[in-house]
Amino acid sequence: MPLFEYRCDKCAHRFTLLVGVTAEKAELRCPRCQSRKATKLISRIAPVAKKDDFDEPDFDEGGDDFDDLDDE
């Protein structure tokens, strides 16, 4: 179910609303002042990482980045 971000027209409070894709419609109401008048905001999307990005650690060839910590 998608999340949509709104700004209340009465008190300017920003809030998110979980909107279902079923026949039952979510009630649009500001959680701060209970107003039903709100403007839908354009939200940024979160980047999606691929599984390949997490498979191997990112170390340089020839050793790890922690060699200099043993010299103290």
N, C-alpha and C. Protein backbone atom coordinates (compact mmCIF):
# COMPACT_ATOMS: atom_id res chain seq x y z
N MET A 1 0.84 -1.18 0.00
CA MET A 1 0.00 0.00 0.00
C MET A 1 0.89 1.25 0.00
N PRO A 2 0.57 2.20 -0.83
CA PRO A 2 1.41 3.40 -0.92
C PRO A 2 1.16 4.37 0.23
N LEU A 3 2.22 5.10 0.57
CA LEU A 3 2.15 6.18 1.54
C LEU A 3 2.15 7.50 0.79
N PHE A 4 1.24 8.39 1.14
CA PHE A 4 1.20 9.71 0.53
C PHE A 4 1.41 10.75 1.61
N GLU A 5 2.09 11.83 1.25
CA GLU A 5 2.37 12.91 2.20
C GLU A 5 1.44 14.08 1.90
N TYR A 6 0.90 14.66 2.97
CA TYR A 6 -0.03 15.78 2.86
C TYR A 6 0.39 16.91 3.78
N ARG A 7 -0.08 18.12 3.45
CA ARG A 7 0.08 19.29 4.32
C ARG A 7 -1.31 19.86 4.58
N CYS A 8 -1.64 20.01 5.84
CA CYS A 8 -2.95 20.52 6.23
C CYS A 8 -3.08 21.98 5.78
N ASP A 9 -4.20 22.31 5.14
CA ASP A 9 -4.44 23.67 4.69
C ASP A 9 -4.76 24.62 5.84
N LYS A 10 -5.20 24.08 6.96
CA LYS A 10 -5.58 24.91 8.10
C LYS A 10 -4.40 25.22 9.03
N CYS A 11 -3.62 24.18 9.42
CA CYS A 11 -2.55 24.40 10.40
C CYS A 11 -1.14 24.14 9.85
N ALA A 12 -1.02 23.77 8.57
CA ALA A 12 0.26 23.54 7.87
C ALA A 12 1.04 22.34 8.40
N HIS A 13 0.39 21.48 9.17
CA HIS A 13 1.05 20.26 9.67
C HIS A 13 1.24 19.29 8.51
N ARG A 14 2.45 18.68 8.44
CA ARG A 14 2.73 17.66 7.42
C ARG A 14 2.49 16.29 8.02
N PHE A 15 1.83 15.42 7.27
CA PHE A 15 1.57 14.07 7.75
C PHE A 15 1.49 13.11 6.58
N THR A 16 1.66 11.83 6.87
CA THR A 16 1.56 10.80 5.84
C THR A 16 0.30 9.99 6.05
N LEU A 17 -0.21 9.45 4.97
CA LEU A 17 -1.43 8.67 5.02
C LEU A 17 -1.22 7.40 4.20
N LEU A 18 -1.50 6.27 4.80
CA LEU A 18 -1.42 4.99 4.13
C LEU A 18 -2.70 4.78 3.34
N VAL A 19 -2.57 4.70 2.04
CA VAL A 19 -3.73 4.61 1.17
C VAL A 19 -3.82 3.20 0.60
N GLY A 20 -4.91 2.52 0.88
CA GLY A 20 -5.10 1.16 0.39
C GLY A 20 -5.58 1.14 -1.05
N VAL A 21 -5.45 0.00 -1.66
CA VAL A 21 -5.91 -0.15 -3.03
C VAL A 21 -7.24 -0.92 -3.09
N THR A 22 -7.87 -1.10 -1.94
CA THR A 22 -9.16 -1.78 -1.89
C THR A 22 -10.28 -0.75 -2.04
N ALA A 23 -11.51 -1.22 -1.99
CA ALA A 23 -12.67 -0.33 -2.14
C ALA A 23 -12.81 0.64 -0.98
N GLU A 24 -12.29 0.27 0.20
CA GLU A 24 -12.40 1.14 1.37
C GLU A 24 -11.37 2.26 1.27
N LYS A 25 -11.84 3.49 1.29
CA LYS A 25 -10.98 4.65 1.12
C LYS A 25 -10.52 5.17 2.49
N ALA A 26 -9.23 5.53 2.58
CA ALA A 26 -8.69 6.08 3.83
C ALA A 26 -9.28 7.46 4.09
N GLU A 27 -9.52 7.77 5.35
CA GLU A 27 -10.09 9.06 5.71
C GLU A 27 -8.98 10.10 5.79
N LEU A 28 -9.11 11.15 5.00
CA LEU A 28 -8.14 12.23 4.99
C LEU A 28 -8.50 13.21 6.09
N ARG A 29 -7.69 13.22 7.16
CA ARG A 29 -7.94 14.09 8.29
C ARG A 29 -6.61 14.42 8.95
N CYS A 30 -6.36 15.68 9.22
CA CYS A 30 -5.13 16.11 9.87
C CYS A 30 -5.08 15.57 11.30
N PRO A 31 -3.99 14.90 11.68
CA PRO A 31 -3.91 14.36 13.04
C PRO A 31 -3.77 15.45 14.11
N ARG A 32 -3.36 16.66 13.73
CA ARG A 32 -3.20 17.74 14.71
C ARG A 32 -4.50 18.50 14.95
N CYS A 33 -5.14 18.97 13.89
CA CYS A 33 -6.33 19.83 14.07
C CYS A 33 -7.63 19.19 13.59
N GLN A 34 -7.56 17.99 13.03
CA GLN A 34 -8.72 17.22 12.55
C GLN A 34 -9.38 17.82 11.31
N SER A 35 -8.74 18.77 10.65
CA SER A 35 -9.29 19.34 9.42
C SER A 35 -9.27 18.30 8.31
N ARG A 36 -10.25 18.40 7.42
CA ARG A 36 -10.31 17.48 6.27
C ARG A 36 -9.75 18.11 5.00
N LYS A 37 -9.27 19.33 5.10
CA LYS A 37 -8.71 20.02 3.94
C LYS A 37 -7.19 19.94 3.99
N ALA A 38 -6.62 19.25 3.00
CA ALA A 38 -5.17 19.07 2.94
C ALA A 38 -4.73 19.01 1.48
N THR A 39 -3.49 19.39 1.27
CA THR A 39 -2.89 19.37 -0.06
C THR A 39 -1.92 18.21 -0.15
N LYS A 40 -2.07 17.42 -1.20
CA LYS A 40 -1.17 16.29 -1.42
C LYS A 40 0.18 16.84 -1.90
N LEU A 41 1.25 16.40 -1.25
CA LEU A 41 2.59 16.86 -1.59
C LEU A 41 3.29 15.87 -2.50
N ILE A 42 4.25 16.37 -3.25
CA ILE A 42 5.06 15.50 -4.09
C ILE A 42 6.22 15.01 -3.23
N SER A 43 6.29 13.70 -3.05
CA SER A 43 7.32 13.10 -2.20
C SER A 43 8.48 12.61 -3.05
N ARG A 44 9.66 12.59 -2.42
CA ARG A 44 10.82 12.01 -3.07
C ARG A 44 10.76 10.50 -2.94
N ILE A 45 11.32 9.82 -3.90
CA ILE A 45 11.36 8.37 -3.82
C ILE A 45 12.69 7.94 -3.22
N ALA A 46 12.69 6.80 -2.57
CA ALA A 46 13.92 6.26 -1.98
C ALA A 46 14.62 5.40 -3.03
N PRO A 47 15.93 5.55 -3.16
CA PRO A 47 16.64 4.70 -4.12
C PRO A 47 16.64 3.26 -3.66
N VAL A 48 16.56 2.36 -4.59
CA VAL A 48 16.54 0.93 -4.29
C VAL A 48 17.91 0.35 -4.60
N ALA A 49 18.51 -0.29 -3.60
CA ALA A 49 19.82 -0.91 -3.79
C ALA A 49 19.64 -2.32 -4.34
N LYS A 50 20.58 -2.72 -5.19
CA LYS A 50 20.54 -4.07 -5.73
C LYS A 50 21.24 -5.01 -4.76
N LYS A 51 20.89 -6.28 -4.79
CA LYS A 51 21.51 -7.28 -3.93
C LYS A 51 23.01 -7.36 -4.17
N ASP A 52 23.44 -7.17 -5.40
CA ASP A 52 24.87 -7.24 -5.74
C ASP A 52 25.69 -6.18 -5.00
N ASP A 53 25.08 -5.08 -4.61
CA ASP A 53 25.79 -4.02 -3.91
C ASP A 53 26.24 -4.44 -2.51
N PHE A 54 25.66 -5.51 -1.95
CA PHE A 54 25.94 -5.92 -0.59
C PHE A 54 26.68 -7.26 -0.48
N ASP A 55 27.01 -7.87 -1.62
CA ASP A 55 27.62 -9.20 -1.60
C ASP A 55 29.04 -9.23 -1.04
N GLU A 56 29.89 -8.29 -1.45
CA GLU A 56 31.29 -8.32 -1.04
C GLU A 56 31.67 -6.98 -0.42
N PRO A 57 32.56 -6.99 0.59
CA PRO A 57 33.03 -5.73 1.15
C PRO A 57 33.84 -4.95 0.12
N ASP A 58 33.86 -3.67 0.25
CA ASP A 58 34.55 -2.80 -0.70
C ASP A 58 35.95 -2.46 -0.20
N PHE A 59 36.88 -3.42 -0.28
CA PHE A 59 38.26 -3.21 0.14
C PHE A 59 39.15 -3.10 -1.09
N ASP A 60 40.22 -2.34 -0.96
CA ASP A 60 41.20 -2.23 -2.04
C ASP A 60 42.01 -3.51 -2.12
N GLU A 61 42.61 -3.76 -3.28
CA GLU A 61 43.49 -4.92 -3.45
C GLU A 61 44.72 -4.75 -2.58
N GLY A 62 45.25 -5.83 -2.04
CA GLY A 62 46.50 -5.77 -1.30
C GLY A 62 46.33 -5.57 0.19
N GLY A 63 45.20 -5.83 0.77
CA GLY A 63 45.03 -5.69 2.22
C GLY A 63 43.81 -4.86 2.56
N ASP A 64 43.51 -4.84 3.85
CA ASP A 64 42.33 -4.07 4.25
C ASP A 64 42.73 -2.66 4.65
N ASP A 65 41.76 -1.86 4.99
CA ASP A 65 41.99 -0.46 5.32
C ASP A 65 42.36 -0.24 6.77
N PHE A 66 42.57 -1.30 7.56
CA PHE A 66 42.80 -1.16 8.98
C PHE A 66 44.22 -1.53 9.40
N ASP A 67 45.16 -1.68 8.44
CA ASP A 67 46.54 -2.06 8.75
C ASP A 67 47.23 -1.05 9.66
N ASP A 68 46.97 0.23 9.48
CA ASP A 68 47.67 1.25 10.24
C ASP A 68 47.19 1.36 11.69
N LEU A 69 46.11 0.72 12.08
CA LEU A 69 45.61 0.79 13.45
C LEU A 69 46.44 -0.05 14.42
N ASP A 70 47.15 -1.05 13.93
CA ASP A 70 47.96 -1.92 14.80
C ASP A 70 49.27 -1.27 15.22
N ASP A 71 49.67 -0.15 14.64
CA ASP A 71 50.96 0.47 14.88
C ASP A 71 50.97 1.38 16.10
N GLU A 72 49.90 1.52 16.81
CA GLU A 72 49.83 2.47 17.94
C GLU A 72 50.58 2.02 19.15
